[in-house]
Amino acid sequence: MNLTVHQSINIHMLKVNSVTNSSVLQIGSAGQLQAYADLHNTGEYEEFAEEAEPQDISDEPLVPLAPPTTA
């Protein structure tokens, strides 16, 4: 089954607070999301950063979670 969607979208203001490596911003309809990634060397670094040292691992979450609620 083929479905063709024609859209006209007017965006007067779009505010994006943050963009991370796994962010998805979708405007309109899409039958399929395709992964896309760019890697930019904006600091013009010439070598890799030093390897990170592992820190003490705690059993508690780093971000406190709200208790579950019943609907």
C-alpha atoms as a PDB file:
ATOM      1  CA  MET A   1       0.000   0.000   0.000  1.00  0.00           C
ATOM      2  CA  ASN A   2       1.437   3.372  -0.985  1.00  0.00           C
ATOM      3  CA  LEU A   3       0.358   6.471   0.891  1.00  0.00           C
ATOM      4  CA  THR A   4       1.368   9.959  -0.211  1.00  0.00           C
ATOM      5  CA  VAL A   5       1.087  12.791   2.312  1.00  0.00           C
ATOM      6  CA  HIS A   6       1.351  16.439   1.268  1.00  0.00           C
ATOM      7  CA  GLN A   7       1.930  18.898   4.099  1.00  0.00           C
ATOM      8  CA  SER A   8       2.336  22.598   4.570  1.00  0.00           C
ATOM      9  CA  ILE A   9       3.932  23.466   7.905  1.00  0.00           C
ATOM     10  CA  ASN A  10       4.549  27.032   9.099  1.00  0.00           C
ATOM     11  CA  ILE A  11       6.814  27.358  12.123  1.00  0.00           C
ATOM     12  CA  HIS A  12       6.916  30.843  13.576  1.00  0.00           C
ATOM     13  CA  MET A  13       9.279  29.979  16.424  1.00  0.00           C
ATOM     14  CA  LEU A  14      11.056  26.746  17.335  1.00  0.00           C
ATOM     15  CA  LYS A  15      13.071  26.586  20.524  1.00  0.00           C
ATOM     16  CA  VAL A  16      15.329  23.591  21.163  1.00  0.00           C
ATOM     17  CA  ASN A  17      16.888  23.566  24.630  1.00  0.00           C
ATOM     18  CA  SER A  18      19.472  20.875  23.985  1.00  0.00           C
ATOM     19  CA  VAL A  19      20.656  18.433  21.381  1.00  0.00           C
ATOM     20  CA  THR A  20      22.441  15.222  22.335  1.00  0.00           C
ATOM     21  CA  ASN A  21      23.868  12.313  20.408  1.00  0.00           C
ATOM     22  CA  SER A  22      20.575  10.441  20.544  1.00  0.00           C
ATOM     23  CA  SER A  23      18.176  13.325  19.958  1.00  0.00           C
ATOM     24  CA  VAL A  24      15.359  13.101  17.427  1.00  0.00           C
ATOM     25  CA  LEU A  25      13.539  16.194  16.190  1.00  0.00           C
ATOM     26  CA  GLN A  26      10.674  15.413  13.869  1.00  0.00           C
ATOM     27  CA  ILE A  27       8.392  17.952  12.215  1.00  0.00           C
ATOM     28  CA  GLY A  28       5.589  16.512  10.143  1.00  0.00           C
ATOM     29  CA  SER A  29       5.023  12.898   9.175  1.00  0.00           C
ATOM     30  CA  ALA A  30       7.551  10.240   8.383  1.00  0.00           C
ATOM     31  CA  GLY A  31       7.028   6.627   7.519  1.00  0.00           C
ATOM     32  CA  GLN A  32      10.574   5.805   8.510  1.00  0.00           C
ATOM     33  CA  LEU A  33      13.227   7.471  10.671  1.00  0.00           C
ATOM     34  CA  GLN A  34      16.747   7.108   9.363  1.00  0.00           C
ATOM     35  CA  ALA A  35      19.777   7.426  11.605  1.00  0.00           C
ATOM     36  CA  TYR A  36      22.087  10.310  10.789  1.00  0.00           C
ATOM     37  CA  ALA A  37      25.177  11.399  12.692  1.00  0.00           C
ATOM     38  CA  ASP A  38      27.864  14.000  12.137  1.00  0.00           C
ATOM     39  CA  LEU A  39      31.164  14.247  13.957  1.00  0.00           C
ATOM     40  CA  HIS A  40      32.758  17.687  13.895  1.00  0.00           C
ATOM     41  CA  ASN A  41      36.146  18.704  15.242  1.00  0.00           C
ATOM     42  CA  THR A  42      35.145  22.236  16.186  1.00  0.00           C
ATOM     43  CA  GLY A  43      38.149  22.715  18.474  1.00  0.00           C
ATOM     44  CA  GLU A  44      40.599  21.686  15.739  1.00  0.00           C
ATOM     45  CA  TYR A  45      42.152  19.040  18.018  1.00  0.00           C
ATOM     46  CA  GLU A  46      45.019  17.076  16.511  1.00  0.00           C
ATOM     47  CA  GLU A  47      44.974  14.025  18.797  1.00  0.00           C
ATOM     48  CA  PHE A  48      42.524  12.007  20.864  1.00  0.00           C
ATOM     49  CA  ALA A  49      41.813  12.861  24.508  1.00  0.00           C
ATOM     50  CA  GLU A  50      43.399  10.695  27.180  1.00  0.00           C
ATOM     51  CA  GLU A  51      41.538   7.573  28.261  1.00  0.00           C
ATOM     52  CA  ALA A  52      39.017   8.146  31.056  1.00  0.00           C
ATOM     53  CA  GLU A  53      39.671   6.558  34.447  1.00  0.00           C
ATOM     54  CA  PRO A  54      36.796   4.517  35.918  1.00  0.00           C
ATOM     55  CA  GLN A  55      35.210   6.044  39.015  1.00  0.00           C
ATOM     56  CA  ASP A  56      33.707   4.374  42.065  1.00  0.00           C
ATOM     57  CA  ILE A  57      30.452   2.738  41.035  1.00  0.00           C
ATOM     58  CA  SER A  58      27.501   3.136  43.391  1.00  0.00           C
ATOM     59  CA  ASP A  59      24.352   1.017  43.517  1.00  0.00           C
ATOM     60  CA  GLU A  60      22.204   4.128  43.891  1.00  0.00           C
ATOM     61  CA  PRO A  61      21.001   5.959  40.770  1.00  0.00           C
ATOM     62  CA  LEU A  62      22.765   9.179  39.817  1.00  0.00           C
ATOM     63  CA  VAL A  63      19.396  10.905  39.332  1.00  0.00           C
ATOM     64  CA  PRO A  64      16.802  10.411  42.077  1.00  0.00           C
ATOM     65  CA  LEU A  65      13.634   8.927  40.624  1.00  0.00           C
ATOM     66  CA  ALA A  66      10.105   9.827  41.698  1.00  0.00           C
ATOM     67  CA  PRO A  67       8.177   7.036  43.409  1.00  0.00           C
ATOM     68  CA  PRO A  68       5.729   5.139  41.176  1.00  0.00           C
ATOM     69  CA  THR A  69       2.170   6.414  41.075  1.00  0.00           C
ATOM     70  CA  THR A  70      -1.060   4.526  40.596  1.00  0.00           C
ATOM     71  CA  ALA A  71      -3.472   5.707  37.979  1.00  0.00           C
END
